[in-house]
C-alpha atoms as a PDB file:
ATOM      1  CA  MET A   1       0.000   0.000   0.000  1.00  0.00           C
ATOM      2  CA  VAL A   2       1.206   3.475  -0.801  1.00  0.00           C
ATOM      3  CA  GLY A   3       1.659   5.991   1.999  1.00  0.00           C
ATOM      4  CA  GLN A   4       1.740   3.439   4.823  1.00  0.00           C
ATOM      5  CA  THR A   5       5.431   3.837   5.737  1.00  0.00           C
ATOM      6  CA  PHE A   6       6.189   6.192   8.611  1.00  0.00           C
ATOM      7  CA  LYS A   7       9.326   7.364  10.377  1.00  0.00           C
ATOM      8  CA  THR A   8       9.473   6.792  14.133  1.00  0.00           C
ATOM      9  CA  ALA A   9      10.898   9.281  16.615  1.00  0.00           C
ATOM     10  CA  GLN A  10      14.131   7.271  16.568  1.00  0.00           C
ATOM     11  CA  GLY A  11      14.377   7.530  12.771  1.00  0.00           C
ATOM     12  CA  GLN A  12      13.391   3.953  11.931  1.00  0.00           C
ATOM     13  CA  SER A  13      10.913   3.155   9.141  1.00  0.00           C
ATOM     14  CA  LEU A  14       7.633   1.542  10.157  1.00  0.00           C
ATOM     15  CA  ASP A  15       5.430  -0.113   7.531  1.00  0.00           C
ATOM     16  CA  MET A  16       1.881   0.082   8.927  1.00  0.00           C
ATOM     17  CA  ALA A  17       0.356  -2.137   6.203  1.00  0.00           C
ATOM     18  CA  ALA A  18       2.778  -4.967   6.981  1.00  0.00           C
ATOM     19  CA  LEU A  19       2.160  -4.512  10.703  1.00  0.00           C
ATOM     20  CA  LYS A  20      -1.617  -4.784  10.181  1.00  0.00           C
ATOM     21  CA  LEU A  21      -1.288  -7.938   8.083  1.00  0.00           C
ATOM     22  CA  ARG A  22       1.094  -9.557  10.546  1.00  0.00           C
ATOM     23  CA  ASN A  23      -1.249  -8.975  13.518  1.00  0.00           C
ATOM     24  CA  GLU A  24      -4.732  -9.322  12.003  1.00  0.00           C
ATOM     25  CA  THR A  25      -5.427 -12.668  13.689  1.00  0.00           C
ATOM     26  CA  GLU A  26      -4.372 -11.500  17.168  1.00  0.00           C
ATOM     27  CA  ARG A  27      -7.013 -10.990  19.849  1.00  0.00           C
ATOM     28  CA  ALA A  28      -8.121  -7.358  20.059  1.00  0.00           C
ATOM     29  CA  VAL A  29      -7.823  -5.483  23.351  1.00  0.00           C
ATOM     30  CA  GLY A  30     -11.162  -4.844  25.033  1.00  0.00           C
ATOM     31  CA  ASN A  31     -14.204  -6.682  26.288  1.00  0.00           C
ATOM     32  CA  LEU A  32     -15.416  -7.923  22.864  1.00  0.00           C
ATOM     33  CA  LYS A  33     -14.351 -11.394  21.799  1.00  0.00           C
ATOM     34  CA  VAL A  34     -12.967 -10.410  18.394  1.00  0.00           C
ATOM     35  CA  ASN A  35      -9.619 -10.383  16.648  1.00  0.00           C
ATOM     36  CA  ALA A  36      -8.068  -7.345  14.985  1.00  0.00           C
ATOM     37  CA  ARG A  37      -9.926  -8.124  11.729  1.00  0.00           C
ATOM     38  CA  GLY A  38     -13.293  -8.084  13.523  1.00  0.00           C
ATOM     39  CA  ASP A  39     -13.964 -11.839  13.391  1.00  0.00           C
ATOM     40  CA  LEU A  40     -15.883 -13.291  16.342  1.00  0.00           C
ATOM     41  CA  ILE A  41     -13.568 -15.699  18.210  1.00  0.00           C
ATOM     42  CA  ASP A  42     -13.749 -18.086  21.170  1.00  0.00           C
ATOM     43  CA  GLU A  43     -11.385 -18.459  24.160  1.00  0.00           C
ATOM     44  CA  SER A  44      -8.905 -20.471  22.040  1.00  0.00           C
ATOM     45  CA  ASN A  45      -8.810 -17.787  19.298  1.00  0.00           C
ATOM     46  CA  ARG A  46     -10.706 -20.011  16.846  1.00  0.00           C
ATOM     47  CA  ILE A  47     -12.924 -18.057  14.453  1.00  0.00           C
ATOM     48  CA  LEU A  48     -16.628 -18.636  15.123  1.00  0.00           C
ATOM     49  CA  SER A  49     -17.983 -16.097  12.624  1.00  0.00           C
ATOM     50  CA  ASN A  50     -15.985 -13.956  10.237  1.00  0.00           C
ATOM     51  CA  ARG A  51     -16.588 -10.249   9.767  1.00  0.00           C
ATOM     52  CA  LYS A  52     -18.033 -10.602   6.259  1.00  0.00           C
ATOM     53  CA  ASP A  53     -20.762 -13.001   7.461  1.00  0.00           C
ATOM     54  CA  GLN A  54     -21.628 -10.668  10.338  1.00  0.00           C
ATOM     55  CA  VAL A  55     -21.995  -7.675   8.017  1.00  0.00           C
ATOM     56  CA  LEU A  56     -24.182  -9.638   5.574  1.00  0.00           C
ATOM     57  CA  LYS A  57     -26.381 -10.904   8.425  1.00  0.00           C
ATOM     58  CA  ASN A  58     -26.909  -7.365   9.757  1.00  0.00           C
ATOM     59  CA  LEU A  59     -27.578  -6.052   6.259  1.00  0.00           C
ATOM     60  CA  GLU A  60     -30.278  -8.678   5.676  1.00  0.00           C
ATOM     61  CA  LYS A  61     -31.845  -7.885   9.039  1.00  0.00           C
ATOM     62  CA  THR A  62     -32.011  -4.126   8.435  1.00  0.00           C
ATOM     63  CA  SER A  63     -32.869  -4.098   4.731  1.00  0.00           C
ATOM     64  CA  LYS A  64     -36.201  -5.962   4.927  1.00  0.00           C
ATOM     65  CA  LEU A  65     -39.078  -3.599   4.227  1.00  0.00           C
ATOM     66  CA  THR A  66     -42.004  -5.655   5.456  1.00  0.00           C
ATOM     67  CA  ASP A  67     -45.000  -4.327   7.367  1.00  0.00           C
ATOM     68  CA  ILE A  68     -44.159  -0.681   6.733  1.00  0.00           C
ATOM     69  CA  PRO A  69     -47.256   1.377   5.869  1.00  0.00           C
ATOM     70  CA  VAL A  70     -46.914   3.464   2.748  1.00  0.00           C
ATOM     71  CA  THR A  71     -48.790   6.749   2.638  1.00  0.00           C
ATOM     72  CA  SER A  72     -49.316   9.003  -0.311  1.00  0.00           C
ATOM     73  CA  GLY A  73     -50.333  12.609  -0.538  1.00  0.00           C
ATOM     74  CA  LYS A  74     -50.350  15.245   2.133  1.00  0.00           C
ATOM     75  CA  PRO A  75     -50.991  14.271   5.729  1.00  0.00           C
ATOM     76  CA  LYS A  76     -54.408  15.301   7.035  1.00  0.00           C
ATOM     77  CA  ARG A  77     -54.512  17.928   9.730  1.00  0.00           C
ATOM     78  CA  GLY A  78     -56.996  17.475  12.539  1.00  0.00           C
ATOM     79  CA  LYS A  79     -59.098  20.357  13.864  1.00  0.00           C
END
């Protein structure tokens, strides 16, 4: 990736893209049970559900347009 190499305070080069790729399967810090990629993992760091499946599942859940009333025209004002 272009533009992902930085200089540290000590003058060393740091390739952020390589660092991300090298550590993407490590457990993320925090109270969620995910790795750095966002995959859902168990106590042994085995992947239970990958990030792509989770996004597709949430997209299907939120994109269903059932039981939504459709109105047309101006709303009526009560007196």
